PDB file of N, CA and C in Angstrom:
ATOM      1  N   MET A   1      -7.364 -10.284   3.898  1.00  0.00           N
ATOM      2  CA  MET A   1      -6.765  -9.102   2.991  1.00  0.00           C
ATOM      3  C   MET A   1      -7.043  -7.531   3.589  1.00  0.00           C
ATOM      4  N   SER A   2      -5.916  -7.089   3.446  1.00  0.00           N
ATOM      5  CA  SER A   2      -5.818  -5.730   4.071  1.00  0.00           C
ATOM      6  C   SER A   2      -6.733  -4.676   3.200  1.00  0.00           C
ATOM      7  N   ARG A   3      -7.401  -3.864   3.727  1.00  0.00           N
ATOM      8  CA  ARG A   3      -8.128  -2.573   3.003  1.00  0.00           C
ATOM      9  C   ARG A   3      -7.195  -1.826   2.615  1.00  0.00           C
ATOM     10  N   LEU A   4      -6.115  -1.505   3.595  1.00  0.00           N
ATOM     11  CA  LEU A   4      -5.103  -0.576   2.898  1.00  0.00           C
ATOM     12  C   LEU A   4      -4.592  -0.970   1.611  1.00  0.00           C
ATOM     13  N   GLY A   5      -4.037  -2.116   1.603  1.00  0.00           N
ATOM     14  CA  GLY A   5      -3.471  -2.698   0.396  1.00  0.00           C
ATOM     15  C   GLY A   5      -4.428  -2.546  -0.757  1.00  0.00           C
ATOM     16  N   VAL A   6      -5.581  -2.594  -0.866  1.00  0.00           N
ATOM     17  CA  VAL A   6      -6.565  -2.515  -1.826  1.00  0.00           C
ATOM     18  C   VAL A   6      -6.547  -0.900  -2.164  1.00  0.00           C
ATOM     19  N   THR A   7      -6.761  -0.211  -1.099  1.00  0.00           N
ATOM     20  CA  THR A   7      -6.817   1.164  -1.228  1.00  0.00           C
ATOM     21  C   THR A   7      -5.532   2.040  -1.971  1.00  0.00           C
ATOM     22  N   ALA A   8      -4.456   1.524  -1.800  1.00  0.00           N
ATOM     23  CA  ALA A   8      -3.388   2.052  -2.451  1.00  0.00           C
ATOM     24  C   ALA A   8      -3.319   1.608  -3.868  1.00  0.00           C
ATOM     25  N   ARG A   9      -3.740   0.506  -4.114  1.00  0.00           N
ATOM     26  CA  ARG A   9      -3.821   0.123  -5.644  1.00  0.00           C
ATOM     27  C   ARG A   9      -4.776   0.826  -6.511  1.00  0.00           C
ATOM     28  N   GLU A  10      -5.952   1.067  -5.657  1.00  0.00           N
ATOM     29  CA  GLU A  10      -7.075   1.702  -6.493  1.00  0.00           C
ATOM     30  C   GLU A  10      -6.666   3.077  -6.520  1.00  0.00           C
ATOM     31  N   LEU A  11      -6.067   3.869  -5.833  1.00  0.00           N
ATOM     32  CA  LEU A  11      -5.509   5.141  -5.788  1.00  0.00           C
ATOM     33  C   LEU A  11      -4.673   5.258  -7.026  1.00  0.00           C
ATOM     34  N   ALA A  12      -3.629   4.323  -7.145  1.00  0.00           N
ATOM     35  CA  ALA A  12      -2.717   4.267  -8.233  1.00  0.00           C
ATOM     36  C   ALA A  12      -3.541   4.069  -9.491  1.00  0.00           C
ATOM     37  N   ARG A  13      -4.665   3.275  -9.539  1.00  0.00           N
ATOM     38  CA  ARG A  13      -5.416   2.927 -10.840  1.00  0.00           C
ATOM     39  C   ARG A  13      -6.273   4.125 -11.215  1.00  0.00           C
ATOM     40  N   ARG A  14      -6.879   4.867 -10.242  1.00  0.00           N
ATOM     41  CA  ARG A  14      -7.710   6.113 -10.524  1.00  0.00           C
ATOM     42  C   ARG A  14      -6.827   7.340 -10.938  1.00  0.00           C
ATOM     43  N   ASP A  15      -5.638   7.507 -10.452  1.00  0.00           N
ATOM     44  CA  ASP A  15      -4.862   8.636 -10.820  1.00  0.00           C
ATOM     45  C   ASP A  15      -3.537   8.351 -11.594  1.00  0.00           C
ATOM     46  N   PRO A  16      -3.570   7.827 -12.728  1.00  0.00           N
ATOM     47  CA  PRO A  16      -2.527   7.169 -13.549  1.00  0.00           C
ATOM     48  C   PRO A  16      -1.107   8.190 -13.406  1.00  0.00           C
ATOM     49  N   PRO A  17      -0.862   9.542 -13.312  1.00  0.00           N
ATOM     50  CA  PRO A  17       0.156  10.281 -13.047  1.00  0.00           C
ATOM     51  C   PRO A  17      -0.111  10.700 -11.492  1.00  0.00           C
ATOM     52  N   PRO A  18       0.637   9.689 -10.763  1.00  0.00           N
ATOM     53  CA  PRO A  18       0.581  10.284  -9.300  1.00  0.00           C
ATOM     54  C   PRO A  18       1.445  11.526  -8.754  1.00  0.00           C
ATOM     55  N   SER A  19       0.768  12.382  -8.047  1.00  0.00           N
ATOM     56  CA  SER A  19       1.408  13.319  -7.548  1.00  0.00           C
ATOM     57  C   SER A  19       2.389  13.121  -6.404  1.00  0.00           C
ATOM     58  N   GLU A  20       3.232  13.954  -5.915  1.00  0.00           N
ATOM     59  CA  GLU A  20       4.071  13.775  -4.693  1.00  0.00           C
ATOM     60  C   GLU A  20       3.412  13.394  -3.596  1.00  0.00           C
ATOM     61  N   GLU A  21       2.350  13.966  -3.351  1.00  0.00           N
ATOM     62  CA  GLU A  21       1.591  13.735  -2.158  1.00  0.00           C
ATOM     63  C   GLU A  21       0.924  12.486  -2.133  1.00  0.00           C
ATOM     64  N   GLN A  22       0.422  12.095  -3.480  1.00  0.00           N
ATOM     65  CA  GLN A  22      -0.277  10.733  -3.349  1.00  0.00           C
ATOM     66  C   GLN A  22       0.838   9.660  -3.346  1.00  0.00           C
ATOM     67  N   GLN A  23       1.986   9.954  -4.059  1.00  0.00           N
ATOM     68  CA  GLN A  23       3.057   8.828  -3.608  1.00  0.00           C
ATOM     69  C   GLN A  23       3.532   8.598  -2.288  1.00  0.00           C
ATOM     70  N   GLY A  24       3.579   9.895  -1.568  1.00  0.00           N
ATOM     71  CA  GLY A  24       3.825   9.796  -0.240  1.00  0.00           C
ATOM     72  C   GLY A  24       2.588   8.929   0.647  1.00  0.00           C
ATOM     73  N   LEU A  25       1.402   9.216   0.263  1.00  0.00           N
ATOM     74  CA  LEU A  25       0.287   8.547   0.694  1.00  0.00           C
ATOM     75  C   LEU A  25       0.340   7.093   0.538  1.00  0.00           C
ATOM     76  N   GLU A  26       0.558   6.671  -0.807  1.00  0.00           N
ATOM     77  CA  GLU A  26       0.921   5.205  -0.949  1.00  0.00           C
ATOM     78  C   GLU A  26       2.082   4.574  -0.114  1.00  0.00           C
ATOM     79  N   ARG A  27       3.211   5.438   0.122  1.00  0.00           N
ATOM     80  CA  ARG A  27       4.317   4.870   0.986  1.00  0.00           C
ATOM     81  C   ARG A  27       3.697   4.660   2.260  1.00  0.00           C
ATOM     82  N   GLU A  28       2.918   5.537   2.808  1.00  0.00           N
ATOM     83  CA  GLU A  28       2.315   5.342   4.098  1.00  0.00           C
ATOM     84  C   GLU A  28       1.383   4.075   4.159  1.00  0.00           C
ATOM     85  N   LEU A  29       0.656   3.999   3.327  1.00  0.00           N
ATOM     86  CA  LEU A  29      -0.200   2.819   3.166  1.00  0.00           C
ATOM     87  C   LEU A  29       0.592   1.552   3.030  1.00  0.00           C
ATOM     88  N   GLU A  30       1.577   1.472   2.280  1.00  0.00           N
ATOM     89  CA  GLU A  30       2.315   0.225   2.030  1.00  0.00           C
ATOM     90  C   GLU A  30       3.162  -0.083   3.378  1.00  0.00           C
ATOM     91  N   ALA A  31       3.584   1.213   4.128  1.00  0.00           N
ATOM     92  CA  ALA A  31       4.275   0.752   5.351  1.00  0.00           C
ATOM     93  C   ALA A  31       3.358   0.295   6.360  1.00  0.00           C
ATOM     94  N   ALA A  32       2.126   0.619   6.461  1.00  0.00           N
ATOM     95  CA  ALA A  32       0.997   0.170   7.403  1.00  0.00           C
ATOM     96  C   ALA A  32       0.877  -1.389   6.906  1.00  0.00           C
ATOM     97  N   TRP A  33       0.623  -1.663   5.662  1.00  0.00           N
ATOM     98  CA  TRP A  33       0.622  -3.080   5.191  1.00  0.00           C
ATOM     99  C   TRP A  33       1.633  -3.818   5.600  1.00  0.00           C
ATOM    100  N   SER A  34       3.148  -3.408   5.431  1.00  0.00           N
ATOM    101  CA  SER A  34       4.130  -4.178   5.782  1.00  0.00           C
ATOM    102  C   SER A  34       4.017  -4.442   7.193  1.00  0.00           C
ATOM    103  N   VAL A  35       3.569  -3.565   8.061  1.00  0.00           N
ATOM    104  CA  VAL A  35       3.639  -3.747   9.621  1.00  0.00           C
ATOM    105  C   VAL A  35       2.564  -4.725   9.786  1.00  0.00           C
ATOM    106  N   GLU A  36       1.308  -4.869   9.222  1.00  0.00           N
ATOM    107  CA  GLU A  36       0.534  -5.963   9.366  1.00  0.00           C
ATOM    108  C   GLU A  36       0.864  -7.136   8.855  1.00  0.00           C
ATOM    109  N   THR A  37       1.547  -7.298   7.934  1.00  0.00           N
ATOM    110  CA  THR A  37       1.976  -8.478   7.530  1.00  0.00           C
ATOM    111  C   THR A  37       3.161  -9.135   8.349  1.00  0.00           C
ATOM    112  N   ASN A  38       3.813  -8.161   9.187  1.00  0.00           N
ATOM    113  CA  ASN A  38       4.654  -8.855  10.071  1.00  0.00           C
ATOM    114  C   ASN A  38       4.078  -9.443  11.209  1.00  0.00           C
ATOM    115  N   ASN A  39       2.735  -9.350  11.339  1.00  0.00           N
ATOM    116  CA  ASN A  39       1.858  -9.994  12.392  1.00  0.00           C
ATOM    117  C   ASN A  39       1.569 -11.429  12.019  1.00  0.00           C
ATOM    118  N   GLY A  40       2.132 -11.927  10.811  1.00  0.00           N
ATOM    119  CA  GLY A  40       1.994 -13.317  10.490  1.00  0.00           C
ATOM    120  C   GLY A  40       1.209 -13.550   9.203  1.00  0.00           C
ATOM    121  N   VAL A  41       0.745 -12.328   8.562  1.00  0.00           N
ATOM    122  CA  VAL A  41      -0.086 -12.597   7.254  1.00  0.00           C
ATOM    123  C   VAL A  41       1.004 -12.463   6.223  1.00  0.00           C
ATOM    124  N   MET A  42       0.622 -13.396   5.242  1.00  0.00           N
ATOM    125  CA  MET A  42       1.557 -13.388   3.951  1.00  0.00           C
ATOM    126  C   MET A  42       1.596 -11.957   3.250  1.00  0.00           C
ATOM    127  N   ASP A  43       2.799 -11.583   3.061  1.00  0.00           N
ATOM    128  CA  ASP A  43       3.010 -10.355   2.003  1.00  0.00           C
ATOM    129  C   ASP A  43       3.253 -10.590   0.686  1.00  0.00           C
ATOM    130  N   HIS A  44       2.111 -10.402   0.048  1.00  0.00           N
ATOM    131  CA  HIS A  44       2.074 -10.488  -1.428  1.00  0.00           C
ATOM    132  C   HIS A  44       2.980  -9.420  -2.286  1.00  0.00           C
ATOM    133  N   TRP A  45       3.430  -8.335  -1.424  1.00  0.00           N
ATOM    134  CA  TRP A  45       4.147  -7.372  -2.004  1.00  0.00           C
ATOM    135  C   TRP A  45       5.692  -7.542  -2.024  1.00  0.00           C
ATOM    136  N   GLY A  46       6.056  -8.409  -1.322  1.00  0.00           N
ATOM    137  CA  GLY A  46       7.405  -8.888  -1.191  1.00  0.00           C
ATOM    138  C   GLY A  46       8.336  -8.075  -0.194  1.00  0.00           C
ATOM    139  N   VAL A  47       7.404  -7.222   0.672  1.00  0.00           N
ATOM    140  CA  VAL A  47       8.208  -6.334   1.738  1.00  0.00           C
ATOM    141  C   VAL A  47       8.476  -7.190   2.787  1.00  0.00           C
ATOM    142  N   GLU A  48       9.893  -6.988   3.208  1.00  0.00           N
ATOM    143  CA  GLU A  48      10.332  -7.745   4.435  1.00  0.00           C
ATOM    144  C   GLU A  48      10.214  -7.125   5.758  1.00  0.00           C
TER     145      GLU A  48
END
């Protein structure tokens, strides 16, 4: 399980109305997570 994925979800939970900066950060974390899953890890977010 990737710490990046958990971090993105925790950030979203702590700050219900996400700022543009936070949304950008979450996109970066999701991108890093999708890259990691391309290495053979199951992607539970459905990113291809």
